[in-house]
PDB file of all heavy atoms in Angstrom:
ATOM      1  N   ARG A   1      36.590 -36.927  14.052  1.00  0.00           N
ATOM      2  CA  ARG A   1      37.344 -37.274  12.870  1.00  0.00           C
ATOM      3  C   ARG A   1      38.030 -35.925  12.372  1.00  0.00           C
ATOM      4  O   ARG A   1      37.409 -34.881  12.368  1.00  0.00           O
ATOM      5  CB  ARG A   1      36.461 -37.747  11.734  1.00  0.00           C
ATOM      6  CG  ARG A   1      35.828 -39.077  12.009  1.00  0.00           C
ATOM      7  CD  ARG A   1      35.085 -39.600  10.799  1.00  0.00           C
ATOM      8  NE  ARG A   1      34.185 -38.588  10.171  1.00  0.00           N
ATOM      9  CZ  ARG A   1      33.535 -38.748   9.005  1.00  0.00           C
ATOM     10  NH1 ARG A   1      33.640 -39.903   8.377  1.00  0.00           N
ATOM     11  NH2 ARG A   1      32.764 -37.820   8.525  1.00  0.00           N
ATOM     12  N   TRP A   2      39.286 -36.059  11.967  1.00  0.00           N
ATOM     13  CA  TRP A   2      39.973 -34.878  11.491  1.00  0.00           C
ATOM     14  C   TRP A   2      40.306 -34.996  10.012  1.00  0.00           C
ATOM     15  O   TRP A   2      40.811 -36.013   9.559  1.00  0.00           O
ATOM     16  CB  TRP A   2      41.258 -34.622  12.285  1.00  0.00           C
ATOM     17  CG  TRP A   2      40.930 -34.022  13.627  1.00  0.00           C
ATOM     18  CD1 TRP A   2      40.840 -34.661  14.846  1.00  0.00           C
ATOM     19  CD2 TRP A   2      40.635 -32.664  13.859  1.00  0.00           C
ATOM     20  NE1 TRP A   2      40.472 -33.802  15.809  1.00  0.00           N
ATOM     21  CE2 TRP A   2      40.354 -32.541  15.262  1.00  0.00           C
ATOM     22  CE3 TRP A   2      40.559 -31.514  13.091  1.00  0.00           C
ATOM     23  CZ2 TRP A   2      40.024 -31.306  15.872  1.00  0.00           C
ATOM     24  CZ3 TRP A   2      40.222 -30.315  13.665  1.00  0.00           C
ATOM     25  CH2 TRP A   2      39.947 -30.266  15.038  1.00  0.00           C
ATOM     26  N   PHE A   3      40.035 -33.928   9.264  1.00  0.00           N
ATOM     27  CA  PHE A   3      40.400 -33.813   7.873  1.00  0.00           C
ATOM     28  C   PHE A   3      41.439 -32.708   7.703  1.00  0.00           C
ATOM     29  O   PHE A   3      41.285 -31.652   8.249  1.00  0.00           O
ATOM     30  CB  PHE A   3      39.129 -33.429   7.018  1.00  0.00           C
ATOM     31  CG  PHE A   3      38.115 -34.520   7.085  1.00  0.00           C
ATOM     32  CD1 PHE A   3      37.275 -34.704   8.145  1.00  0.00           C
ATOM     33  CD2 PHE A   3      37.971 -35.383   5.969  1.00  0.00           C
ATOM     34  CE1 PHE A   3      36.295 -35.693   8.172  1.00  0.00           C
ATOM     35  CE2 PHE A   3      37.035 -36.374   5.954  1.00  0.00           C
ATOM     36  CZ  PHE A   3      36.170 -36.567   7.046  1.00  0.00           C
ATOM     37  N   PHE A   4      42.501 -33.026   6.959  1.00  0.00           N
ATOM     38  CA  PHE A   4      43.614 -32.075   6.845  1.00  0.00           C
ATOM     39  C   PHE A   4      43.712 -31.595   5.440  1.00  0.00           C
ATOM     40  O   PHE A   4      43.530 -32.378   4.472  1.00  0.00           O
ATOM     41  CB  PHE A   4      44.926 -32.804   7.215  1.00  0.00           C
ATOM     42  CG  PHE A   4      45.070 -33.104   8.698  1.00  0.00           C
ATOM     43  CD1 PHE A   4      44.351 -34.165   9.239  1.00  0.00           C
ATOM     44  CD2 PHE A   4      45.870 -32.330   9.485  1.00  0.00           C
ATOM     45  CE1 PHE A   4      44.499 -34.455  10.624  1.00  0.00           C
ATOM     46  CE2 PHE A   4      45.983 -32.571  10.847  1.00  0.00           C
ATOM     47  CZ  PHE A   4      45.282 -33.616  11.415  1.00  0.00           C
ATOM     48  N   THR A   5      44.046 -30.327   5.275  1.00  0.00           N
ATOM     49  CA  THR A   5      44.179 -29.754   3.922  1.00  0.00           C
ATOM     50  C   THR A   5      45.153 -28.563   3.928  1.00  0.00           C
ATOM     51  O   THR A   5      45.320 -27.952   4.936  1.00  0.00           O
ATOM     52  CB  THR A   5      42.843 -29.383   3.306  1.00  0.00           C
ATOM     53  OG1 THR A   5      43.012 -29.052   1.931  1.00  0.00           O
ATOM     54  CG2 THR A   5      42.193 -28.199   4.001  1.00  0.00           C
ATOM     55  N   GLY A   6      45.644 -28.284   2.809  1.00  0.00           N
ATOM     56  CA  GLY A   6      46.450 -27.121   2.527  1.00  0.00           C
ATOM     57  C   GLY A   6      46.764 -27.169   1.049  1.00  0.00           C
ATOM     58  O   GLY A   6      46.657 -28.247   0.412  1.00  0.00           O
ATOM     59  N   GLN A   7      47.196 -26.065   0.464  1.00  0.00           N
ATOM     60  CA  GLN A   7      47.542 -26.072  -0.906  1.00  0.00           C
ATOM     61  C   GLN A   7      49.030 -25.984  -1.107  1.00  0.00           C
ATOM     62  O   GLN A   7      49.725 -25.347  -0.338  1.00  0.00           O
ATOM     63  CB  GLN A   7      46.794 -24.900  -1.618  1.00  0.00           C
ATOM     64  CG  GLN A   7      45.268 -24.852  -1.365  1.00  0.00           C
ATOM     65  CD  GLN A   7      44.645 -26.189  -1.556  1.00  0.00           C
ATOM     66  OE1 GLN A   7      44.794 -26.898  -2.577  1.00  0.00           O
ATOM     67  NE2 GLN A   7      43.845 -26.683  -0.547  1.00  0.00           N
ATOM     68  N   GLY A   8      49.537 -26.565  -2.156  1.00  0.00           N
ATOM     69  CA  GLY A   8      50.968 -26.539  -2.468  1.00  0.00           C
ATOM     70  C   GLY A   8      51.753 -27.234  -1.360  1.00  0.00           C
ATOM     71  O   GLY A   8      51.394 -28.328  -0.845  1.00  0.00           O
ATOM     72  N   ARG A   9      52.889 -26.651  -0.982  1.00  0.00           N
ATOM     73  CA  ARG A   9      53.699 -27.232   0.051  1.00  0.00           C
ATOM     74  C   ARG A   9      53.044 -27.288   1.406  1.00  0.00           C
ATOM     75  O   ARG A   9      53.301 -28.170   2.263  1.00  0.00           O
ATOM     76  CB  ARG A   9      55.039 -26.504   0.113  1.00  0.00           C
ATOM     77  CG  ARG A   9      55.968 -26.863  -1.052  1.00  0.00           C
ATOM     78  CD  ARG A   9      57.202 -26.030  -1.138  1.00  0.00           C
ATOM     79  NE  ARG A   9      57.848 -25.734   0.098  1.00  0.00           N
ATOM     80  CZ  ARG A   9      59.102 -25.963   0.402  1.00  0.00           C
ATOM     81  NH1 ARG A   9      59.866 -26.603  -0.495  1.00  0.00           N
ATOM     82  NH2 ARG A   9      59.611 -25.590   1.510  1.00  0.00           N
ATOM     83  N   SER A  10      52.159 -26.374   1.655  1.00  0.00           N
ATOM     84  CA  SER A  10      51.366 -26.391   2.899  1.00  0.00           C
ATOM     85  C   SER A  10      50.528 -27.638   2.955  1.00  0.00           C
ATOM     86  O   SER A  10      50.268 -28.241   4.005  1.00  0.00           O
ATOM     87  CB  SER A  10      50.443 -25.123   3.071  1.00  0.00           C
ATOM     88  OG  SER A  10      51.240 -23.990   3.257  1.00  0.00           O
ATOM     89  N   GLY A  11      50.075 -28.105   1.789  1.00  0.00           N
ATOM     90  CA  GLY A  11      49.300 -29.329   1.735  1.00  0.00           C
ATOM     91  C   GLY A  11      50.166 -30.551   2.057  1.00  0.00           C
ATOM     92  O   GLY A  11      49.688 -31.510   2.709  1.00  0.00           O
ATOM     93  N   LEU A  12      51.403 -30.526   1.663  1.00  0.00           N
ATOM     94  CA  LEU A  12      52.357 -31.604   2.028  1.00  0.00           C
ATOM     95  C   LEU A  12      52.539 -31.630   3.570  1.00  0.00           C
ATOM     96  O   LEU A  12      52.602 -32.651   4.173  1.00  0.00           O
ATOM     97  CB  LEU A  12      53.653 -31.420   1.309  1.00  0.00           C
ATOM     98  CG  LEU A  12      53.541 -31.539  -0.227  1.00  0.00           C
ATOM     99  CD1 LEU A  12      54.902 -31.223  -0.920  1.00  0.00           C
ATOM    100  CD2 LEU A  12      53.046 -32.905  -0.684  1.00  0.00           C
ATOM    101  N   VAL A  13      52.683 -30.448   4.171  1.00  0.00           N
ATOM    102  CA  VAL A  13      52.803 -30.334   5.588  1.00  0.00           C
ATOM    103  C   VAL A  13      51.537 -30.937   6.259  1.00  0.00           C
ATOM    104  O   VAL A  13      51.576 -31.640   7.271  1.00  0.00           O
ATOM    105  CB  VAL A  13      53.136 -28.943   6.082  1.00  0.00           C
ATOM    106  CG1 VAL A  13      53.077 -28.809   7.615  1.00  0.00           C
ATOM    107  CG2 VAL A  13      54.481 -28.458   5.574  1.00  0.00           C
ATOM    108  N   ALA A  14      50.373 -30.584   5.679  1.00  0.00           N
ATOM    109  CA  ALA A  14      49.105 -31.070   6.222  1.00  0.00           C
ATOM    110  C   ALA A  14      49.046 -32.621   6.123  1.00  0.00           C
ATOM    111  O   ALA A  14      48.604 -33.255   7.118  1.00  0.00           O
ATOM    112  CB  ALA A  14      47.929 -30.517   5.460  1.00  0.00           C
ATOM    113  N   GLU A  15      49.582 -33.208   5.095  1.00  0.00           N
ATOM    114  CA  GLU A  15      49.608 -34.636   4.982  1.00  0.00           C
ATOM    115  C   GLU A  15      50.515 -35.239   6.089  1.00  0.00           C
ATOM    116  O   GLU A  15      50.196 -36.284   6.631  1.00  0.00           O
ATOM    117  CB  GLU A  15      50.070 -35.079   3.557  1.00  0.00           C
ATOM    118  CG  GLU A  15      49.082 -34.776   2.497  1.00  0.00           C
ATOM    119  CD  GLU A  15      49.577 -35.288   1.158  1.00  0.00           C
ATOM    120  OE1 GLU A  15      50.279 -36.307   1.047  1.00  0.00           O
ATOM    121  OE2 GLU A  15      49.247 -34.617   0.144  1.00  0.00           O
ATOM    122  N   MET A  16      51.662 -34.645   6.326  1.00  0.00           N
ATOM    123  CA  MET A  16      52.569 -35.127   7.363  1.00  0.00           C
ATOM    124  C   MET A  16      51.881 -35.036   8.737  1.00  0.00           C
ATOM    125  O   MET A  16      52.018 -35.964   9.509  1.00  0.00           O
ATOM    126  CB  MET A  16      53.880 -34.354   7.311  1.00  0.00           C
ATOM    127  CG  MET A  16      54.714 -34.685   6.135  1.00  0.00           C
ATOM    128  SD  MET A  16      56.387 -33.979   6.195  1.00  0.00           S
ATOM    129  CE  MET A  16      56.043 -32.320   5.621  1.00  0.00           C
ATOM    130  N   ALA A  17      51.168 -33.990   8.950  1.00  0.00           N
ATOM    131  CA  ALA A  17      50.453 -33.808  10.229  1.00  0.00           C
ATOM    132  C   ALA A  17      49.370 -34.850  10.334  1.00  0.00           C
ATOM    133  O   ALA A  17      49.219 -35.496  11.467  1.00  0.00           O
ATOM    134  CB  ALA A  17      49.863 -32.401  10.354  1.00  0.00           C
ATOM    135  N   ALA A  18      48.598 -35.109   9.284  1.00  0.00           N
ATOM    136  CA  ALA A  18      47.557 -36.130   9.309  1.00  0.00           C
ATOM    137  C   ALA A  18      48.172 -37.505   9.693  1.00  0.00           C
ATOM    138  O   ALA A  18      47.602 -38.256  10.472  1.00  0.00           O
ATOM    139  CB  ALA A  18      46.853 -36.211   7.952  1.00  0.00           C
ATOM    140  N   MET A  19      49.318 -37.793   9.146  1.00  0.00           N
ATOM    141  CA  MET A  19      49.998 -39.085   9.456  1.00  0.00           C
ATOM    142  C   MET A  19      50.338 -39.161  10.949  1.00  0.00           C
ATOM    143  O   MET A  19      50.069 -40.180  11.601  1.00  0.00           O
ATOM    144  CB  MET A  19      51.270 -39.242   8.649  1.00  0.00           C
ATOM    145  CG  MET A  19      52.034 -40.512   8.922  1.00  0.00           C
ATOM    146  SD  MET A  19      53.622 -40.653   8.112  1.00  0.00           S
ATOM    147  CE  MET A  19      53.006 -40.872   6.415  1.00  0.00           C
ATOM    148  N   ARG A  20      50.904 -38.107  11.518  1.00  0.00           N
ATOM    149  CA  ARG A  20      51.220 -38.129  12.939  1.00  0.00           C
ATOM    150  C   ARG A  20      50.006 -38.183  13.835  1.00  0.00           C
ATOM    151  O   ARG A  20      50.002 -38.905  14.865  1.00  0.00           O
ATOM    152  CB  ARG A  20      52.133 -36.932  13.350  1.00  0.00           C
ATOM    153  CG  ARG A  20      53.554 -37.063  12.906  1.00  0.00           C
ATOM    154  CD  ARG A  20      54.272 -38.207  13.703  1.00  0.00           C
ATOM    155  NE  ARG A  20      55.649 -38.262  13.347  1.00  0.00           N
ATOM    156  CZ  ARG A  20      56.163 -39.197  12.648  1.00  0.00           C
ATOM    157  NH1 ARG A  20      55.496 -40.254  12.220  1.00  0.00           N
ATOM    158  NH2 ARG A  20      57.453 -39.166  12.326  1.00  0.00           N
ATOM    159  N   PHE A  21      48.975 -37.507  13.468  1.00  0.00           N
ATOM    160  CA  PHE A  21      47.736 -37.582  14.237  1.00  0.00           C
ATOM    161  C   PHE A  21      47.138 -38.985  14.181  1.00  0.00           C
ATOM    162  O   PHE A  21      46.564 -39.506  15.168  1.00  0.00           O
ATOM    163  CB  PHE A  21      46.715 -36.528  13.750  1.00  0.00           C
ATOM    164  CG  PHE A  21      46.884 -35.187  14.400  1.00  0.00           C
ATOM    165  CD1 PHE A  21      47.970 -34.387  14.100  1.00  0.00           C
ATOM    166  CD2 PHE A  21      45.995 -34.713  15.389  1.00  0.00           C
ATOM    167  CE1 PHE A  21      48.168 -33.159  14.694  1.00  0.00           C
ATOM    168  CE2 PHE A  21      46.147 -33.487  15.931  1.00  0.00           C
ATOM    169  CZ  PHE A  21      47.279 -32.700  15.647  1.00  0.00           C
ATOM    170  N   MET A  22      47.268 -39.662  13.033  1.00  0.00           N
ATOM    171  CA  MET A  22      46.844 -41.045  12.922  1.00  0.00           C
ATOM    172  C   MET A  22      47.665 -41.896  13.845  1.00  0.00           C
ATOM    173  O   MET A  22      47.136 -42.740  14.553  1.00  0.00           O
ATOM    174  CB  MET A  22      46.992 -41.535  11.476  1.00  0.00           C
ATOM    175  CG  MET A  22      46.687 -42.991  11.214  1.00  0.00           C
ATOM    176  SD  MET A  22      48.059 -44.154  11.518  1.00  0.00           S
ATOM    177  CE  MET A  22      49.222 -43.602  10.285  1.00  0.00           C
ATOM    178  N   HIS A  23      48.976 -41.661  13.912  1.00  0.00           N
ATOM    179  CA  HIS A  23      49.856 -42.419  14.829  1.00  0.00           C
ATOM    180  C   HIS A  23      49.372 -42.198  16.254  1.00  0.00           C
ATOM    181  O   HIS A  23      49.465 -43.146  17.059  1.00  0.00           O
ATOM    182  CB  HIS A  23      51.297 -41.986  14.679  1.00  0.00           C
ATOM    183  CG  HIS A  23      51.912 -42.432  13.367  1.00  0.00           C
ATOM    184  ND1 HIS A  23      52.915 -41.693  12.748  1.00  0.00           N
ATOM    185  CD2 HIS A  23      51.679 -43.480  12.600  1.00  0.00           C
ATOM    186  CE1 HIS A  23      53.248 -42.280  11.665  1.00  0.00           C
ATOM    187  NE2 HIS A  23      52.537 -43.386  11.536  1.00  0.00           N
ATOM    188  N   LEU A  24      48.895 -41.003  16.560  1.00  0.00           N
ATOM    189  CA  LEU A  24      48.380 -40.752  17.974  1.00  0.00           C
ATOM    190  C   LEU A  24      47.080 -41.497  18.260  1.00  0.00           C
ATOM    191  O   LEU A  24      46.697 -41.568  19.398  1.00  0.00           O
ATOM    192  CB  LEU A  24      48.169 -39.229  18.167  1.00  0.00           C
ATOM    193  CG  LEU A  24      49.417 -38.414  18.456  1.00  0.00           C
ATOM    194  CD1 LEU A  24      49.095 -36.899  18.368  1.00  0.00           C
ATOM    195  CD2 LEU A  24      50.009 -38.752  19.821  1.00  0.00           C
ATOM    196  N   GLY A  25      46.374 -41.906  17.195  1.00  0.00           N
ATOM    197  CA  GLY A  25      45.128 -42.589  17.410  1.00  0.00           C
ATOM    198  C   GLY A  25      43.928 -41.896  16.896  1.00  0.00           C
ATOM    199  O   GLY A  25      42.790 -42.339  17.077  1.00  0.00           O
ATOM    200  N   PHE A  26      44.095 -40.744  16.304  1.00  0.00           N
ATOM    201  CA  PHE A  26      42.974 -39.981  15.756  1.00  0.00           C
ATOM    202  C   PHE A  26      42.564 -40.650  14.450  1.00  0.00           C
ATOM    203  O   PHE A  26      43.391 -41.164  13.711  1.00  0.00           O
ATOM    204  CB  PHE A  26      43.382 -38.510  15.420  1.00  0.00           C
ATOM    205  CG  PHE A  26      43.621 -37.673  16.655  1.00  0.00           C
ATOM    206  CD1 PHE A  26      44.860 -37.687  17.277  1.00  0.00           C
ATOM    207  CD2 PHE A  26      42.622 -36.864  17.146  1.00  0.00           C
ATOM    208  CE1 PHE A  26      45.040 -36.858  18.405  1.00  0.00           C
ATOM    209  CE2 PHE A  26      42.797 -36.074  18.236  1.00  0.00           C
ATOM    210  CZ  PHE A  26      44.046 -36.083  18.883  1.00  0.00           C
ATOM    211  N   GLU A  27      41.288 -40.533  14.138  1.00  0.00           N
ATOM    212  CA  GLU A  27      40.825 -40.932  12.775  1.00  0.00           C
ATOM    213  C   GLU A  27      41.055 -39.719  11.900  1.00  0.00           C
ATOM    214  O   GLU A  27      40.480 -38.639  12.105  1.00  0.00           O
ATOM    215  CB  GLU A  27      39.290 -41.284  12.825  1.00  0.00           C
ATOM    216  CG  GLU A  27      38.859 -41.685  11.431  1.00  0.00           C
ATOM    217  CD  GLU A  27      37.369 -42.035  11.361  1.00  0.00           C
ATOM    218  OE1 GLU A  27      36.778 -42.209  12.448  1.00  0.00           O
ATOM    219  OE2 GLU A  27      36.876 -42.184  10.234  1.00  0.00           O
ATOM    220  N   THR A  28      41.999 -39.865  10.925  1.00  0.00           N
ATOM    221  CA  THR A  28      42.343 -38.783  10.086  1.00  0.00           C
ATOM    222  C   THR A  28      42.168 -39.102   8.595  1.00  0.00           C
ATOM    223  O   THR A  28      42.203 -40.246   8.198  1.00  0.00           O
ATOM    224  CB  THR A  28      43.862 -38.341  10.305  1.00  0.00           C
ATOM    225  OG1 THR A  28      44.699 -39.475   9.892  1.00  0.00           O
ATOM    226  CG2 THR A  28      44.129 -38.032  11.716  1.00  0.00           C
ATOM    227  N   HIS A  29      41.943 -38.000   7.868  1.00  0.00           N
ATOM    228  CA  HIS A  29      41.799 -38.121   6.397  1.00  0.00           C
ATOM    229  C   HIS A  29      42.443 -36.894   5.805  1.00  0.00           C
ATOM    230  O   HIS A  29      42.499 -35.840   6.414  1.00  0.00           O
ATOM    231  CB  HIS A  29      40.311 -38.194   6.007  1.00  0.00           C
ATOM    232  CG  HIS A  29      39.594 -39.298   6.658  1.00  0.00           C
ATOM    233  ND1 HIS A  29      39.657 -40.612   6.179  1.00  0.00           N
ATOM    234  CD2 HIS A  29      38.810 -39.345   7.759  1.00  0.00           C
ATOM    235  CE1 HIS A  29      38.924 -41.408   6.966  1.00  0.00           C
ATOM    236  NE2 HIS A  29      38.398 -40.677   7.896  1.00  0.00           N
ATOM    237  N   VAL A  30      42.880 -37.007   4.558  1.00  0.00           N
ATOM    238  CA  VAL A  30      43.420 -35.852   3.802  1.00  0.00           C
ATOM    239  C   VAL A  30      42.343 -35.552   2.745  1.00  0.00           C
ATOM    240  O   VAL A  30      41.969 -36.429   1.971  1.00  0.00           O
ATOM    241  CB  VAL A  30      44.780 -36.261   3.138  1.00  0.00           C
ATOM    242  CG1 VAL A  30      45.253 -35.078   2.261  1.00  0.00           C
ATOM    243  CG2 VAL A  30      45.783 -36.588   4.244  1.00  0.00           C
ATOM    244  N   LEU A  31      41.876 -34.319   2.744  1.00  0.00           N
ATOM    245  CA  LEU A  31      40.890 -33.886   1.771  1.00  0.00           C
ATOM    246  C   LEU A  31      41.450 -34.165   0.357  1.00  0.00           C
ATOM    247  O   LEU A  31      42.625 -33.887   0.084  1.00  0.00           O
ATOM    248  CB  LEU A  31      40.531 -32.449   1.898  1.00  0.00           C
ATOM    249  CG  LEU A  31      39.632 -32.018   3.038  1.00  0.00           C
ATOM    250  CD1 LEU A  31      39.244 -30.555   2.912  1.00  0.00           C
ATOM    251  CD2 LEU A  31      38.380 -32.886   3.100  1.00  0.00           C
ATOM    252  N   GLY A  32      40.586 -34.677  -0.495  1.00  0.00           N
ATOM    253  CA  GLY A  32      40.948 -34.887  -1.853  1.00  0.00           C
ATOM    254  C   GLY A  32      41.448 -36.264  -2.182  1.00  0.00           C
ATOM    255  O   GLY A  32      41.516 -36.698  -3.347  1.00  0.00           O
ATOM    256  N   GLU A  33      41.796 -37.021  -1.104  1.00  0.00           N
ATOM    257  CA  GLU A  33      42.197 -38.431  -1.310  1.00  0.00           C
ATOM    258  C   GLU A  33      40.971 -39.243  -1.634  1.00  0.00           C
ATOM    259  O   GLU A  33      39.867 -39.038  -1.171  1.00  0.00           O
ATOM    260  CB  GLU A  33      42.889 -38.957  -0.069  1.00  0.00           C
ATOM    261  CG  GLU A  33      44.201 -38.323   0.225  1.00  0.00           C
ATOM    262  CD  GLU A  33      45.265 -38.600  -0.815  1.00  0.00           C
ATOM    263  OE1 GLU A  33      45.383 -39.798  -1.226  1.00  0.00           O
ATOM    264  OE2 GLU A  33      45.954 -37.684  -1.237  1.00  0.00           O
ATOM    265  N   ALA A  34      41.176 -40.287  -2.454  1.00  0.00           N
ATOM    266  CA  ALA A  34      40.046 -41.111  -2.929  1.00  0.00           C
ATOM    267  C   ALA A  34      39.259 -41.770  -1.816  1.00  0.00           C
ATOM    268  O   ALA A  34      38.065 -42.000  -1.960  1.00  0.00           O
ATOM    269  CB  ALA A  34      40.563 -42.180  -3.895  1.00  0.00           C
ATOM    270  N   THR A  35      39.886 -42.065  -0.703  1.00  0.00           N
ATOM    271  CA  THR A  35      39.198 -42.760   0.396  1.00  0.00           C
ATOM    272  C   THR A  35      38.666 -41.788   1.498  1.00  0.00           C
ATOM    273  O   THR A  35      38.117 -42.272   2.473  1.00  0.00           O
ATOM    274  CB  THR A  35      40.135 -43.773   1.074  1.00  0.00           C
ATOM    275  OG1 THR A  35      41.300 -43.079   1.523  1.00  0.00           O
ATOM    276  CG2 THR A  35      40.520 -44.861   0.043  1.00  0.00           C
ATOM    277  N   ALA A  36      38.805 -40.544   1.285  1.00  0.00           N
ATOM    278  CA  ALA A  36      38.311 -39.577   2.297  1.00  0.00           C
ATOM    279  C   ALA A  36      36.779 -39.507   2.247  1.00  0.00           C
ATOM    280  O   ALA A  36      36.205 -39.227   1.204  1.00  0.00           O
ATOM    281  CB  ALA A  36      38.895 -38.183   2.092  1.00  0.00           C
ATOM    282  N   PRO A  37      36.131 -39.735   3.389  1.00  0.00           N
ATOM    283  CA  PRO A  37      34.652 -39.601   3.410  1.00  0.00           C
ATOM    284  C   PRO A  37      34.207 -38.156   3.430  1.00  0.00           C
ATOM    285  O   PRO A  37      35.067 -37.225   3.466  1.00  0.00           O
ATOM    286  CB  PRO A  37      34.263 -40.278   4.731  1.00  0.00           C
ATOM    287  CG  PRO A  37      35.460 -40.122   5.587  1.00  0.00           C
ATOM    288  CD  PRO A  37      36.647 -40.152   4.651  1.00  0.00           C
TER     289      PRO A  37
END
């Protein structure tokens, strides 16, 4: 499982990366999101 994080605009890039990794089939989460385990 992959958790993505960054602060400020780097955090937005981390969110975009998490989305693409999800598209690839990885289980991904963004730290700080309400549904992140």
